[in-house]
Protein backbone atom coordinates (compact mmCIF):
# COMPACT_ATOMS: atom_id res chain seq x y z
CA UNK A 1 -4.06 59.44 35.19
CA UNK A 2 -5.16 61.79 38.00
CA UNK A 3 -4.08 65.39 38.18
CA UNK A 4 -2.18 65.51 41.43
CA UNK A 5 -0.62 68.99 41.56
CA UNK A 6 -2.87 71.79 40.33
CA UNK A 7 -1.57 75.37 39.88
CA UNK A 8 -4.82 77.00 41.11
CA UNK A 9 -6.60 74.57 43.35
CA UNK A 10 -4.93 73.51 46.58
CA UNK A 11 -2.95 70.25 46.36
CA UNK A 12 -5.46 67.50 46.18
CA UNK A 13 -5.54 65.06 49.02
CA UNK A 14 -7.40 61.82 48.25
CA UNK A 15 -10.62 61.94 50.16
CA UNK A 16 -13.65 59.67 50.01
CA UNK A 17 -14.45 57.83 46.81
CA UNK A 18 -17.93 59.09 45.69
CA UNK A 19 -20.34 58.41 42.90
CA UNK A 20 -21.56 61.02 40.43
CA UNK A 21 -23.53 60.95 37.28
CA UNK A 22 -22.12 61.81 33.83
CA UNK A 23 -24.61 61.82 30.99
CA UNK A 24 -26.82 59.27 32.79
CA UNK A 25 -23.87 56.97 33.62
CA UNK A 26 -22.71 56.50 37.24
CA UNK A 27 -19.03 57.12 37.64
CA UNK A 28 -16.65 57.34 40.63
CA UNK A 29 -14.18 60.01 41.66
CA UNK A 30 -12.68 61.45 44.80
CA UNK A 31 -14.56 64.08 46.75
CA UNK A 32 -12.76 67.42 46.37
CA UNK A 33 -10.84 66.64 43.16
CA UNK A 34 -11.84 68.73 40.11
CA UNK A 35 -14.71 67.34 38.08
CA UNK A 36 -12.39 67.47 35.04
CA UNK A 37 -9.82 65.25 36.86
CA UNK A 38 -12.53 62.74 37.81
CA UNK A 39 -13.74 62.62 34.23
CA UNK A 40 -10.21 62.19 32.85
CA UNK A 41 -9.62 59.34 35.34
CA UNK A 42 -12.76 57.69 33.96
CA UNK A 43 -11.55 58.10 30.34
CA UNK A 44 -13.83 61.07 29.51
CA UNK A 45 -11.98 63.68 27.47
CA UNK A 46 -14.86 65.57 25.75
CA UNK A 47 -16.71 68.02 27.95
CA UNK A 48 -18.54 70.15 25.43
CA UNK A 49 -19.19 70.72 21.70
CA UNK A 50 -18.88 74.14 20.13
CA UNK A 51 -22.03 76.03 19.15
CA UNK A 52 -21.29 76.76 15.48
CA UNK A 53 -19.42 73.74 14.26
CA UNK A 54 -20.10 71.12 16.94
CA UNK A 55 -16.33 70.58 17.52
CA UNK A 56 -15.40 68.60 20.65
CA UNK A 57 -13.60 70.45 23.51
CA UNK A 58 -12.08 69.26 26.76
CA UNK A 59 -9.37 70.28 29.23
CA UNK A 60 -7.17 72.97 27.72
CA UNK A 61 -5.78 75.42 30.35
CA UNK A 62 -6.80 73.51 33.47
CA UNK A 63 -6.72 76.73 35.57
CA UNK A 64 -10.23 78.19 34.87
CA UNK A 65 -9.21 80.84 32.32
CA UNK A 66 -10.59 79.34 29.07
CA UNK A 67 -14.00 77.88 28.50
CA UNK A 68 -13.06 74.54 26.89
CA UNK A 69 -14.04 72.46 29.91
CA UNK A 70 -17.45 74.09 30.60
CA UNK A 71 -20.24 71.64 31.29
CA UNK A 72 -23.70 71.49 32.81
CA UNK A 73 -23.28 70.66 36.54
CA UNK A 74 -26.42 70.15 38.70
CA UNK A 75 -28.47 72.04 36.15
CA UNK A 76 -26.10 75.07 35.89
CA UNK A 77 -24.58 75.80 32.50
CA UNK A 78 -21.03 76.95 31.74
CA UNK A 79 -19.45 75.50 34.85
CA UNK A 80 -15.61 75.40 34.50
CA UNK A 81 -15.04 71.83 35.51
CA UNK A 82 -11.27 72.15 35.81
CA UNK A 83 -11.68 74.20 39.03
CA UNK A 84 -15.02 72.92 40.28
CA UNK A 85 -14.63 70.40 43.14
CA UNK A 86 -16.39 67.09 42.79
CA UNK A 87 -19.14 66.30 45.35
CA UNK A 88 -21.07 63.11 45.89
CA UNK A 89 -24.24 62.84 43.81
CA UNK A 90 -23.38 65.59 41.36
CA UNK A 91 -25.06 65.40 37.94
CA UNK A 92 -22.58 66.42 35.16
CA UNK A 93 -23.74 66.72 31.57
CA UNK A 94 -21.99 67.36 28.22
CA UNK A 95 -22.81 70.84 27.02
CA UNK A 96 -23.81 71.34 23.40
CA UNK A 97 -23.18 74.94 22.40
CA UNK A 98 -25.23 76.85 24.99
CA UNK A 99 -27.71 74.04 25.80
CA UNK A 100 -28.24 70.35 26.47
CA UNK A 101 -28.30 67.91 23.61
CA UNK A 102 -31.55 68.25 21.70
CA UNK A 103 -32.53 71.59 23.31
CA UNK A 104 -33.01 74.76 21.28
CA UNK A 105 -29.50 76.17 21.04
CA UNK A 106 -30.71 79.63 20.13
CA UNK A 107 -31.98 80.33 23.62
CA UNK A 108 -29.71 82.44 25.82
CA UNK A 109 -28.46 81.01 28.98
């Protein structure tokens, strides 16, 4: 279930298997593959929830043009995970509207 040929990112060559955190769970993926690909390989399809109706969103375009795959990565909001390479030790969080779960969603990021 890994994305092997990506239209924007260079062809992925399997590198080192690394650990990263997703919503406080330790997962594994290959260094250099997109965060979205690593999440998909681990069965994670929901990356964020919309601000107004809390609708789940995940990979849509997979080329960095839409915002369906944005997540919080190492504390930075709105990271397009379909084009962001995975690195060991990354902390990836589901984004809820414009914030973390339980934060005040009315604050601007």
